[in-house]
Amino acid sequence: MNKVEAYKSSDGRLFETEFSCQEHEISLVWISRISGFQSSEFNPYNNDARSKGMATKIIVAWEMYKEQVAL
């Protein structure tokens, strides 16, 4: 038997790394706003389902970066 360390998000999910857990937490906060943007006229790629997943990851990463750098 091995002891393991995990990080638990506010919605109860477990993550192996602190970074993954933080990424998930930020996505929980921003998901509705990101979804609104993706279906809006401001999104130049709103017809491409593949770009929606990538855009979500980029926006979440940007928000994580802003928190770490404290602009």
C-alpha atoms as a PDB file:
ATOM      1  CA  MET A   1       0.000   0.000   0.000  1.00  0.00           C
ATOM      2  CA  ASN A   2       1.204   3.508  -0.862  1.00  0.00           C
ATOM      3  CA  LYS A   3       0.182   6.822   0.584  1.00  0.00           C
ATOM      4  CA  VAL A   4      -0.852   9.307  -2.093  1.00  0.00           C
ATOM      5  CA  GLU A   5      -1.343  13.041  -2.057  1.00  0.00           C
ATOM      6  CA  ALA A   6      -4.153  14.622  -4.021  1.00  0.00           C
ATOM      7  CA  TYR A   7      -5.751  18.025  -4.455  1.00  0.00           C
ATOM      8  CA  LYS A   8      -9.522  18.329  -4.121  1.00  0.00           C
ATOM      9  CA  SER A   9     -11.435  21.030  -5.984  1.00  0.00           C
ATOM     10  CA  SER A  10     -14.499  22.813  -4.668  1.00  0.00           C
ATOM     11  CA  ASP A  11     -16.759  20.480  -6.667  1.00  0.00           C
ATOM     12  CA  GLY A  12     -15.166  17.387  -5.133  1.00  0.00           C
ATOM     13  CA  ARG A  13     -12.921  16.266  -8.000  1.00  0.00           C
ATOM     14  CA  LEU A  14      -9.459  14.952  -7.149  1.00  0.00           C
ATOM     15  CA  PHE A  15      -6.298  15.938  -9.016  1.00  0.00           C
ATOM     16  CA  GLU A  16      -2.754  14.644  -8.899  1.00  0.00           C
ATOM     17  CA  THR A  17      -1.168  18.095  -9.150  1.00  0.00           C
ATOM     18  CA  GLU A  18      -1.911  21.472  -7.629  1.00  0.00           C
ATOM     19  CA  PHE A  19      -1.671  23.038 -11.088  1.00  0.00           C
ATOM     20  CA  SER A  20      -4.390  20.753 -12.506  1.00  0.00           C
ATOM     21  CA  CYS A  21      -6.646  21.504  -9.578  1.00  0.00           C
ATOM     22  CA  GLN A  22      -6.130  25.263  -9.934  1.00  0.00           C
ATOM     23  CA  GLU A  23      -6.846  25.016 -13.649  1.00  0.00           C
ATOM     24  CA  HIS A  24     -10.103  23.223 -12.925  1.00  0.00           C
ATOM     25  CA  GLU A  25     -11.104  25.735 -10.217  1.00  0.00           C
ATOM     26  CA  ILE A  26     -10.599  28.639 -12.603  1.00  0.00           C
ATOM     27  CA  SER A  27     -12.562  26.866 -15.314  1.00  0.00           C
ATOM     28  CA  LEU A  28     -15.462  26.489 -12.846  1.00  0.00           C
ATOM     29  CA  VAL A  29     -15.463  30.238 -12.262  1.00  0.00           C
ATOM     30  CA  TRP A  30     -15.118  31.233 -15.897  1.00  0.00           C
ATOM     31  CA  ILE A  31     -17.013  28.519 -17.788  1.00  0.00           C
ATOM     32  CA  SER A  32     -20.304  30.402 -18.131  1.00  0.00           C
ATOM     33  CA  ARG A  33     -18.577  33.576 -19.303  1.00  0.00           C
ATOM     34  CA  ILE A  34     -16.395  31.633 -21.728  1.00  0.00           C
ATOM     35  CA  SER A  35     -19.448  29.835 -23.114  1.00  0.00           C
ATOM     36  CA  GLY A  36     -21.216  33.170 -23.561  1.00  0.00           C
ATOM     37  CA  PHE A  37     -18.240  34.558 -25.435  1.00  0.00           C
ATOM     38  CA  GLN A  38     -17.924  31.488 -27.630  1.00  0.00           C
ATOM     39  CA  SER A  39     -21.519  31.771 -28.836  1.00  0.00           C
ATOM     40  CA  SER A  40     -21.356  35.547 -29.287  1.00  0.00           C
ATOM     41  CA  GLU A  41     -20.649  37.599 -32.380  1.00  0.00           C
ATOM     42  CA  PHE A  42     -17.322  38.618 -30.801  1.00  0.00           C
ATOM     43  CA  ASN A  43     -15.890  35.132 -31.280  1.00  0.00           C
ATOM     44  CA  PRO A  44     -14.411  35.031 -34.791  1.00  0.00           C
ATOM     45  CA  TYR A  45     -14.327  31.197 -34.701  1.00  0.00           C
ATOM     46  CA  ASN A  46     -17.796  30.441 -33.326  1.00  0.00           C
ATOM     47  CA  ASN A  47     -18.587  27.888 -36.057  1.00  0.00           C
ATOM     48  CA  ASP A  48     -15.586  25.671 -35.352  1.00  0.00           C
ATOM     49  CA  ALA A  49     -16.231  23.176 -32.520  1.00  0.00           C
ATOM     50  CA  ARG A  50     -12.529  22.278 -32.363  1.00  0.00           C
ATOM     51  CA  SER A  51     -11.515  25.859 -31.656  1.00  0.00           C
ATOM     52  CA  LYS A  52     -13.986  26.123 -28.748  1.00  0.00           C
ATOM     53  CA  GLY A  53     -12.065  23.572 -26.684  1.00  0.00           C
ATOM     54  CA  MET A  54      -8.779  25.239 -27.492  1.00  0.00           C
ATOM     55  CA  ALA A  55     -10.153  28.702 -26.737  1.00  0.00           C
ATOM     56  CA  THR A  56     -11.464  27.507 -23.373  1.00  0.00           C
ATOM     57  CA  LYS A  57      -8.046  26.130 -22.428  1.00  0.00           C
ATOM     58  CA  ILE A  58      -6.308  29.324 -23.548  1.00  0.00           C
ATOM     59  CA  ILE A  59      -8.673  31.600 -21.621  1.00  0.00           C
ATOM     60  CA  VAL A  60      -8.368  29.501 -18.463  1.00  0.00           C
ATOM     61  CA  ALA A  61      -4.575  29.477 -18.819  1.00  0.00           C
ATOM     62  CA  TRP A  62      -4.603  33.264 -19.252  1.00  0.00           C
ATOM     63  CA  GLU A  63      -6.647  33.715 -16.077  1.00  0.00           C
ATOM     64  CA  MET A  64      -4.270  31.422 -14.174  1.00  0.00           C
ATOM     65  CA  TYR A  65      -1.322  33.408 -15.506  1.00  0.00           C
ATOM     66  CA  LYS A  66      -2.897  36.692 -14.413  1.00  0.00           C
ATOM     67  CA  GLU A  67      -3.409  35.356 -10.880  1.00  0.00           C
ATOM     68  CA  GLN A  68       0.199  34.140 -10.665  1.00  0.00           C
ATOM     69  CA  VAL A  69       1.772  37.269 -12.089  1.00  0.00           C
ATOM     70  CA  ALA A  70      -0.690  39.672 -10.381  1.00  0.00           C
ATOM     71  CA  LEU A  71      -0.752  42.234 -13.158  1.00  0.00           C
END
